[in-house]
Amino acid sequence: MPAAFSLNLRQLVVRALDQGYSSREVAGLYGVSSSFVRKLGQRWERDGTLEPLPHGGGRRAHVDERGELLIRTLVLLTPEATLAELCEDYAVLSTGSPISVPTMHRALKRLGLRRRR
């Protein structure tokens, strides 16, 4: 994930806008998108801040804490199960929706559990 633009760059962008340069000109000058320049200028006028917005949080995990506990139990009880078999067992025993093999793989990786393919 790319880091937020520095406060120094943000100040330069707003200063150039205040001097009458267009969003497109400022974007070309500092190597940023016109959209960024336009939104930063609007935010500066509206809120008076140049600080980056907080991270949006991303997608929610398909497997919650209860699901993780179930997966730990399944791996403990059936250590030789394949990812597909774990997904089938999870679907039967969980109250949520079934999960895919890639989702199971990510959950096992996040939990630090080893498994067979």
C-alpha atoms as a PDB file:
ATOM      1  CA  MET A   1       0.000   0.000   0.000  1.00  0.00           C
ATOM      2  CA  PRO A   2       1.488   3.339  -0.966  1.00  0.00           C
ATOM      3  CA  ALA A   3       2.272   5.815   1.783  1.00  0.00           C
ATOM      4  CA  ALA A   4       0.402   9.099   2.040  1.00  0.00           C
ATOM      5  CA  PHE A   5       1.990  12.103   0.370  1.00  0.00           C
ATOM      6  CA  SER A   6       4.184  14.154   2.698  1.00  0.00           C
ATOM      7  CA  LEU A   7       2.864  17.250   4.426  1.00  0.00           C
ATOM      8  CA  ASN A   8       5.565  19.263   2.639  1.00  0.00           C
ATOM      9  CA  LEU A   9       4.286  18.166  -0.793  1.00  0.00           C
ATOM     10  CA  ARG A  10       0.705  18.899   0.250  1.00  0.00           C
ATOM     11  CA  GLN A  11       1.719  22.423   1.297  1.00  0.00           C
ATOM     12  CA  LEU A  12       3.487  23.001  -2.036  1.00  0.00           C
ATOM     13  CA  VAL A  13       0.414  21.815  -3.942  1.00  0.00           C
ATOM     14  CA  VAL A  14      -1.944  24.126  -2.041  1.00  0.00           C
ATOM     15  CA  ARG A  15       0.478  27.049  -2.359  1.00  0.00           C
ATOM     16  CA  ALA A  16       0.610  26.546  -6.153  1.00  0.00           C
ATOM     17  CA  LEU A  17      -3.199  26.411  -6.297  1.00  0.00           C
ATOM     18  CA  ASP A  18      -3.372  29.622  -4.258  1.00  0.00           C
ATOM     19  CA  GLN A  19      -1.025  31.256  -6.791  1.00  0.00           C
ATOM     20  CA  GLY A  20      -3.531  30.529  -9.552  1.00  0.00           C
ATOM     21  CA  TYR A  21      -2.094  27.436 -11.212  1.00  0.00           C
ATOM     22  CA  SER A  22      -4.646  24.916 -12.482  1.00  0.00           C
ATOM     23  CA  SER A  23      -4.999  21.431 -10.990  1.00  0.00           C
ATOM     24  CA  ARG A  24      -3.541  19.954 -14.168  1.00  0.00           C
ATOM     25  CA  GLU A  25      -0.515  22.272 -14.060  1.00  0.00           C
ATOM     26  CA  VAL A  26       0.141  21.555 -10.382  1.00  0.00           C
ATOM     27  CA  ALA A  27      -0.250  17.824 -10.969  1.00  0.00           C
ATOM     28  CA  GLY A  28       2.327  17.911 -13.759  1.00  0.00           C
ATOM     29  CA  LEU A  29       4.688  20.049 -11.730  1.00  0.00           C
ATOM     30  CA  TYR A  30       4.730  17.735  -8.699  1.00  0.00           C
ATOM     31  CA  GLY A  31       4.081  14.368 -10.358  1.00  0.00           C
ATOM     32  CA  VAL A  32       0.716  13.679  -8.719  1.00  0.00           C
ATOM     33  CA  SER A  33      -2.733  13.148 -10.177  1.00  0.00           C
ATOM     34  CA  SER A  34      -5.078  16.000 -11.016  1.00  0.00           C
ATOM     35  CA  SER A  35      -7.676  14.286  -8.876  1.00  0.00           C
ATOM     36  CA  PHE A  36      -5.383  14.407  -5.836  1.00  0.00           C
ATOM     37  CA  VAL A  37      -4.682  18.107  -6.415  1.00  0.00           C
ATOM     38  CA  ARG A  38      -8.362  18.933  -6.870  1.00  0.00           C
ATOM     39  CA  LYS A  39      -9.486  16.963  -3.798  1.00  0.00           C
ATOM     40  CA  LEU A  40      -6.683  18.382  -1.643  1.00  0.00           C
ATOM     41  CA  GLY A  41      -7.613  21.920  -2.686  1.00  0.00           C
ATOM     42  CA  GLN A  42     -11.274  21.291  -1.891  1.00  0.00           C
ATOM     43  CA  ARG A  43     -10.403  19.750   1.462  1.00  0.00           C
ATOM     44  CA  TRP A  44      -8.120  22.688   2.307  1.00  0.00           C
ATOM     45  CA  GLU A  45     -10.910  25.178   1.555  1.00  0.00           C
ATOM     46  CA  ARG A  46     -13.610  23.148   3.310  1.00  0.00           C
ATOM     47  CA  ASP A  47     -11.773  21.810   6.398  1.00  0.00           C
ATOM     48  CA  GLY A  48      -8.573  23.848   6.607  1.00  0.00           C
ATOM     49  CA  THR A  49      -6.422  20.736   6.909  1.00  0.00           C
ATOM     50  CA  LEU A  50      -3.824  19.042   4.748  1.00  0.00           C
ATOM     51  CA  GLU A  51      -3.501  15.924   6.889  1.00  0.00           C
ATOM     52  CA  PRO A  52      -4.146  12.625   5.070  1.00  0.00           C
ATOM     53  CA  LEU A  53      -7.482  10.942   5.661  1.00  0.00           C
ATOM     54  CA  PRO A  54      -7.414   7.885   7.934  1.00  0.00           C
ATOM     55  CA  HIS A  55      -7.158   4.467   6.339  1.00  0.00           C
ATOM     56  CA  GLY A  56     -10.538   3.114   5.314  1.00  0.00           C
ATOM     57  CA  GLY A  57      -9.959  -0.238   7.024  1.00  0.00           C
ATOM     58  CA  GLY A  58     -10.194  -2.580   4.053  1.00  0.00           C
ATOM     59  CA  ARG A  59     -12.446  -5.575   3.669  1.00  0.00           C
ATOM     60  CA  ARG A  60     -13.727  -7.529   6.639  1.00  0.00           C
ATOM     61  CA  ALA A  61     -12.291 -11.002   7.057  1.00  0.00           C
ATOM     62  CA  HIS A  62     -14.595 -13.809   5.937  1.00  0.00           C
ATOM     63  CA  VAL A  63     -13.586 -15.798   9.011  1.00  0.00           C
ATOM     64  CA  ASP A  64     -14.339 -14.208  12.387  1.00  0.00           C
ATOM     65  CA  GLU A  65     -12.930 -15.223  15.797  1.00  0.00           C
ATOM     66  CA  ARG A  66     -15.480 -17.991  16.171  1.00  0.00           C
ATOM     67  CA  GLY A  67     -14.572 -19.292  12.725  1.00  0.00           C
ATOM     68  CA  GLU A  68     -10.888 -19.201  13.609  1.00  0.00           C
ATOM     69  CA  LEU A  69     -11.574 -21.301  16.684  1.00  0.00           C
ATOM     70  CA  LEU A  70     -13.458 -23.794  14.506  1.00  0.00           C
ATOM     71  CA  ILE A  71     -10.578 -23.938  12.030  1.00  0.00           C
ATOM     72  CA  ARG A  72      -8.062 -24.521  14.843  1.00  0.00           C
ATOM     73  CA  THR A  73     -10.232 -27.359  16.099  1.00  0.00           C
ATOM     74  CA  LEU A  74     -10.624 -28.883  12.631  1.00  0.00           C
ATOM     75  CA  VAL A  75      -6.865 -28.816  12.052  1.00  0.00           C
ATOM     76  CA  LEU A  76      -6.254 -30.355  15.474  1.00  0.00           C
ATOM     77  CA  LEU A  77      -8.786 -33.145  14.840  1.00  0.00           C
ATOM     78  CA  THR A  78      -7.896 -33.762  11.184  1.00  0.00           C
ATOM     79  CA  PRO A  79      -4.267 -32.675  10.667  1.00  0.00           C
ATOM     80  CA  GLU A  80      -4.011 -34.542   7.342  1.00  0.00           C
ATOM     81  CA  ALA A  81      -7.070 -32.858   5.813  1.00  0.00           C
ATOM     82  CA  THR A  82      -6.585 -30.962   2.572  1.00  0.00           C
ATOM     83  CA  LEU A  83      -7.689 -27.355   2.196  1.00  0.00           C
ATOM     84  CA  ALA A  84     -10.761 -28.500   0.273  1.00  0.00           C
ATOM     85  CA  GLU A  85     -11.661 -30.994   2.996  1.00  0.00           C
ATOM     86  CA  LEU A  86     -11.235 -28.326   5.665  1.00  0.00           C
ATOM     87  CA  CYS A  87     -13.562 -26.052   3.673  1.00  0.00           C
ATOM     88  CA  GLU A  88     -16.194 -28.807   3.478  1.00  0.00           C
ATOM     89  CA  ASP A  89     -15.951 -29.533   7.204  1.00  0.00           C
ATOM     90  CA  TYR A  90     -16.097 -25.818   7.985  1.00  0.00           C
ATOM     91  CA  ALA A  91     -19.248 -25.420   5.875  1.00  0.00           C
ATOM     92  CA  VAL A  92     -20.951 -28.295   7.685  1.00  0.00           C
ATOM     93  CA  LEU A  93     -20.025 -27.160  11.184  1.00  0.00           C
ATOM     94  CA  SER A  94     -20.187 -23.383  10.930  1.00  0.00           C
ATOM     95  CA  THR A  95     -23.277 -21.246  11.133  1.00  0.00           C
ATOM     96  CA  GLY A  96     -21.893 -18.866   8.493  1.00  0.00           C
ATOM     97  CA  SER A  97     -21.540 -19.329   4.796  1.00  0.00           C
ATOM     98  CA  PRO A  98     -19.041 -21.750   3.259  1.00  0.00           C
ATOM     99  CA  ILE A  99     -15.567 -20.435   2.540  1.00  0.00           C
ATOM    100  CA  SER A 100     -13.319 -20.950  -0.466  1.00  0.00           C
ATOM    101  CA  VAL A 101      -9.978 -22.737  -0.539  1.00  0.00           C
ATOM    102  CA  PRO A 102      -8.052 -19.423  -0.863  1.00  0.00           C
ATOM    103  CA  THR A 103      -9.952 -18.017   2.135  1.00  0.00           C
ATOM    104  CA  MET A 104      -9.124 -21.131   4.156  1.00  0.00           C
ATOM    105  CA  HIS A 105      -5.483 -20.797   3.119  1.00  0.00           C
ATOM    106  CA  ARG A 106      -5.355 -17.162   4.277  1.00  0.00           C
ATOM    107  CA  ALA A 107      -7.038 -18.052   7.581  1.00  0.00           C
ATOM    108  CA  LEU A 108      -4.562 -20.870   8.237  1.00  0.00           C
ATOM    109  CA  LYS A 109      -1.649 -18.604   7.375  1.00  0.00           C
ATOM    110  CA  ARG A 110      -2.986 -15.854   9.675  1.00  0.00           C
ATOM    111  CA  LEU A 111      -3.342 -18.448  12.476  1.00  0.00           C
ATOM    112  CA  GLY A 112       0.142 -19.834  11.851  1.00  0.00           C
ATOM    113  CA  LEU A 113      -1.183 -23.337  11.135  1.00  0.00           C
ATOM    114  CA  ARG A 114       0.329 -25.768   8.670  1.00  0.00           C
ATOM    115  CA  ARG A 115      -1.733 -27.889   6.326  1.00  0.00           C
ATOM    116  CA  ARG A 116      -1.625 -30.197   3.332  1.00  0.00           C
ATOM    117  CA  ARG A 117      -2.621 -29.016  -0.125  1.00  0.00           C
END
